[in-house]
Amino acid sequence: MKKGIHPKYNQIKVVCSCGNTFTTGSTLDVETINVELCSKCHPFYTGEQKIVDTDNLVKKFEDKIEKSKKMSFKSKKAKMAERKAKKDQISKKQEPTLTLKDMLANADISK
């Protein structure tokens, strides 16, 4: 190993939000590190479900679900039935259009 190029390796105390503390090695120049989860309170190790939501992502998702429940959604069949009914209603209102042949016949153009 070359001398003078490697960082200094320090012993650091880690403090978890659950109150657990332990020491570990690191190249950081601080005495303590504060963390939110450790092996004593992590859901994988404890088997309990615990939602860690630091950016309010879970709250935003739940709000989005509530908003979507309030909105009315229609199935594809319902949408197609509405379109067909609307199209039938429009076609009933319109009078039959004259074709070019009918217009020429009504114009009585002589050669």
C-alpha atoms as a PDB file:
ATOM      1  CA  MET A   1       0.000   0.000   0.000  1.00  0.00           C
ATOM      2  CA  LYS A   2       1.175   3.491  -0.756  1.00  0.00           C
ATOM      3  CA  LYS A   3       1.374   5.822   2.195  1.00  0.00           C
ATOM      4  CA  GLY A   4      -0.540   9.109   2.292  1.00  0.00           C
ATOM      5  CA  ILE A   5      -3.191   8.343  -0.346  1.00  0.00           C
ATOM      6  CA  HIS A   6      -5.718   6.373   1.719  1.00  0.00           C
ATOM      7  CA  PRO A   7      -8.353   8.075   3.911  1.00  0.00           C
ATOM      8  CA  LYS A   8      -8.221   7.720   7.673  1.00  0.00           C
ATOM      9  CA  TYR A   9     -10.448   4.935   9.055  1.00  0.00           C
ATOM     10  CA  ASN A  10     -12.416   6.018  12.146  1.00  0.00           C
ATOM     11  CA  GLN A  11     -14.697   4.364  14.699  1.00  0.00           C
ATOM     12  CA  ILE A  12     -18.159   6.043  14.538  1.00  0.00           C
ATOM     13  CA  LYS A  13     -21.148   5.739  16.860  1.00  0.00           C
ATOM     14  CA  VAL A  14     -24.446   5.146  15.033  1.00  0.00           C
ATOM     15  CA  VAL A  15     -27.668   6.275  16.754  1.00  0.00           C
ATOM     16  CA  CYS A  16     -31.029   5.017  15.473  1.00  0.00           C
ATOM     17  CA  SER A  17     -34.379   6.764  15.939  1.00  0.00           C
ATOM     18  CA  CYS A  18     -35.598   3.717  17.922  1.00  0.00           C
ATOM     19  CA  GLY A  19     -32.854   4.323  20.513  1.00  0.00           C
ATOM     20  CA  ASN A  20     -30.465   1.559  19.449  1.00  0.00           C
ATOM     21  CA  THR A  21     -26.768   2.507  19.297  1.00  0.00           C
ATOM     22  CA  PHE A  22     -23.752   0.669  17.928  1.00  0.00           C
ATOM     23  CA  THR A  23     -20.282   1.456  16.659  1.00  0.00           C
ATOM     24  CA  THR A  24     -18.931   0.857  13.195  1.00  0.00           C
ATOM     25  CA  GLY A  25     -15.972   1.868  11.093  1.00  0.00           C
ATOM     26  CA  SER A  26     -16.046   4.599   8.454  1.00  0.00           C
ATOM     27  CA  THR A  27     -13.871   7.090   6.628  1.00  0.00           C
ATOM     28  CA  LEU A  28     -16.151   9.988   7.659  1.00  0.00           C
ATOM     29  CA  ASP A  29     -14.699  12.586  10.034  1.00  0.00           C
ATOM     30  CA  VAL A  30     -17.711  12.756  12.385  1.00  0.00           C
ATOM     31  CA  GLU A  31     -18.285  11.222  15.817  1.00  0.00           C
ATOM     32  CA  THR A  32     -21.950  10.126  15.424  1.00  0.00           C
ATOM     33  CA  ILE A  33     -24.371   9.340  12.623  1.00  0.00           C
ATOM     34  CA  ASN A  34     -28.147   9.527  13.119  1.00  0.00           C
ATOM     35  CA  VAL A  35     -30.218   6.991  11.128  1.00  0.00           C
ATOM     36  CA  GLU A  36     -33.943   6.252  10.851  1.00  0.00           C
ATOM     37  CA  LEU A  37     -33.745   2.459  10.644  1.00  0.00           C
ATOM     38  CA  CYS A  38     -31.466  -0.216  12.024  1.00  0.00           C
ATOM     39  CA  SER A  39     -31.551  -4.001  12.333  1.00  0.00           C
ATOM     40  CA  LYS A  40     -33.560  -3.720  15.580  1.00  0.00           C
ATOM     41  CA  CYS A  41     -36.460  -1.749  14.040  1.00  0.00           C
ATOM     42  CA  HIS A  42     -36.319  -2.593  10.299  1.00  0.00           C
ATOM     43  CA  PRO A  43     -39.507  -4.397   9.108  1.00  0.00           C
ATOM     44  CA  PHE A  44     -37.493  -7.103   7.329  1.00  0.00           C
ATOM     45  CA  TYR A  45     -35.802  -8.170  10.560  1.00  0.00           C
ATOM     46  CA  THR A  46     -38.722  -7.614  12.961  1.00  0.00           C
ATOM     47  CA  GLY A  47     -41.463  -9.119  10.766  1.00  0.00           C
ATOM     48  CA  GLU A  48     -43.764  -6.167  11.489  1.00  0.00           C
ATOM     49  CA  GLN A  49     -45.129  -3.894   8.810  1.00  0.00           C
ATOM     50  CA  LYS A  50     -43.905  -0.369   9.328  1.00  0.00           C
ATOM     51  CA  ILE A  51     -44.311   2.334   6.702  1.00  0.00           C
ATOM     52  CA  VAL A  52     -41.378   4.722   6.551  1.00  0.00           C
ATOM     53  CA  ASP A  53     -42.664   7.714   4.649  1.00  0.00           C
ATOM     54  CA  THR A  54     -40.119  10.507   4.652  1.00  0.00           C
ATOM     55  CA  ASP A  55     -41.386  12.237   1.476  1.00  0.00           C
ATOM     56  CA  ASN A  56     -45.137  11.727   2.146  1.00  0.00           C
ATOM     57  CA  LEU A  57     -45.352   9.369  -0.838  1.00  0.00           C
ATOM     58  CA  VAL A  58     -47.785   7.034   0.930  1.00  0.00           C
ATOM     59  CA  LYS A  59     -50.035   9.959   1.891  1.00  0.00           C
ATOM     60  CA  LYS A  60     -49.997  11.265  -1.696  1.00  0.00           C
ATOM     61  CA  PHE A  61     -50.883   7.791  -3.020  1.00  0.00           C
ATOM     62  CA  GLU A  62     -53.764   7.404  -0.548  1.00  0.00           C
ATOM     63  CA  ASP A  63     -55.087  10.861  -1.492  1.00  0.00           C
ATOM     64  CA  LYS A  64     -54.934   9.907  -5.181  1.00  0.00           C
ATOM     65  CA  ILE A  65     -56.901   6.708  -4.488  1.00  0.00           C
ATOM     66  CA  GLU A  66     -59.572   8.645  -2.560  1.00  0.00           C
ATOM     67  CA  LYS A  67     -59.850  11.161  -5.403  1.00  0.00           C
ATOM     68  CA  SER A  68     -60.257   8.394  -7.975  1.00  0.00           C
ATOM     69  CA  LYS A  69     -63.022   6.773  -5.903  1.00  0.00           C
ATOM     70  CA  LYS A  70     -65.003  10.024  -6.041  1.00  0.00           C
ATOM     71  CA  MET A  71     -64.726  10.216  -9.833  1.00  0.00           C
ATOM     72  CA  SER A  72     -67.151   8.219 -11.931  1.00  0.00           C
ATOM     73  CA  PHE A  73     -65.615   5.829 -14.409  1.00  0.00           C
ATOM     74  CA  LYS A  74     -67.553   4.068 -17.146  1.00  0.00           C
ATOM     75  CA  SER A  75     -66.782   0.704 -18.640  1.00  0.00           C
ATOM     76  CA  LYS A  76     -65.876   0.367 -22.289  1.00  0.00           C
ATOM     77  CA  LYS A  77     -69.260  -1.222 -23.073  1.00  0.00           C
ATOM     78  CA  ALA A  78     -71.103   1.711 -21.481  1.00  0.00           C
ATOM     79  CA  LYS A  79     -69.028   4.221 -23.450  1.00  0.00           C
ATOM     80  CA  MET A  80     -69.654   2.372 -26.720  1.00  0.00           C
ATOM     81  CA  ALA A  81     -73.401   2.190 -26.020  1.00  0.00           C
ATOM     82  CA  GLU A  82     -73.503   5.960 -25.396  1.00  0.00           C
ATOM     83  CA  ARG A  83     -71.628   6.644 -28.630  1.00  0.00           C
ATOM     84  CA  LYS A  84     -73.942   4.389 -30.609  1.00  0.00           C
ATOM     85  CA  ALA A  85     -77.056   6.027 -29.113  1.00  0.00           C
ATOM     86  CA  LYS A  86     -75.678   9.489 -29.875  1.00  0.00           C
ATOM     87  CA  LYS A  87     -74.821   8.475 -33.432  1.00  0.00           C
ATOM     88  CA  ASP A  88     -78.312   7.004 -33.983  1.00  0.00           C
ATOM     89  CA  GLN A  89     -79.913  10.166 -32.590  1.00  0.00           C
ATOM     90  CA  ILE A  90     -77.886  12.378 -34.930  1.00  0.00           C
ATOM     91  CA  SER A  91     -78.642  10.214 -37.956  1.00  0.00           C
ATOM     92  CA  LYS A  92     -82.400  10.360 -37.209  1.00  0.00           C
ATOM     93  CA  LYS A  93     -82.345  14.155 -37.067  1.00  0.00           C
ATOM     94  CA  GLN A  94     -80.585  14.590 -40.401  1.00  0.00           C
ATOM     95  CA  GLU A  95     -82.621  14.510 -43.554  1.00  0.00           C
ATOM     96  CA  PRO A  96     -81.307  12.254 -46.272  1.00  0.00           C
ATOM     97  CA  THR A  97     -78.759  14.112 -48.359  1.00  0.00           C
ATOM     98  CA  LEU A  98     -79.016  14.277 -52.115  1.00  0.00           C
ATOM     99  CA  THR A  99     -76.390  12.626 -54.200  1.00  0.00           C
ATOM    100  CA  LEU A 100     -74.822  14.294 -57.210  1.00  0.00           C
ATOM    101  CA  LYS A 101     -76.962  12.135 -59.479  1.00  0.00           C
ATOM    102  CA  ASP A 102     -80.157  13.296 -57.693  1.00  0.00           C
ATOM    103  CA  MET A 103     -79.110  16.939 -57.880  1.00  0.00           C
ATOM    104  CA  LEU A 104     -78.440  16.703 -61.605  1.00  0.00           C
ATOM    105  CA  ALA A 105     -81.798  15.016 -62.148  1.00  0.00           C
ATOM    106  CA  ASN A 106     -83.605  17.743 -60.190  1.00  0.00           C
ATOM    107  CA  ALA A 107     -81.738  20.510 -62.025  1.00  0.00           C
ATOM    108  CA  ASP A 108     -83.216  19.364 -65.366  1.00  0.00           C
ATOM    109  CA  ILE A 109     -80.196  20.328 -67.396  1.00  0.00           C
ATOM    110  CA  SER A 110     -80.696  19.884 -71.093  1.00  0.00           C
ATOM    111  CA  LYS A 111     -77.886  19.307 -73.499  1.00  0.00           C
END
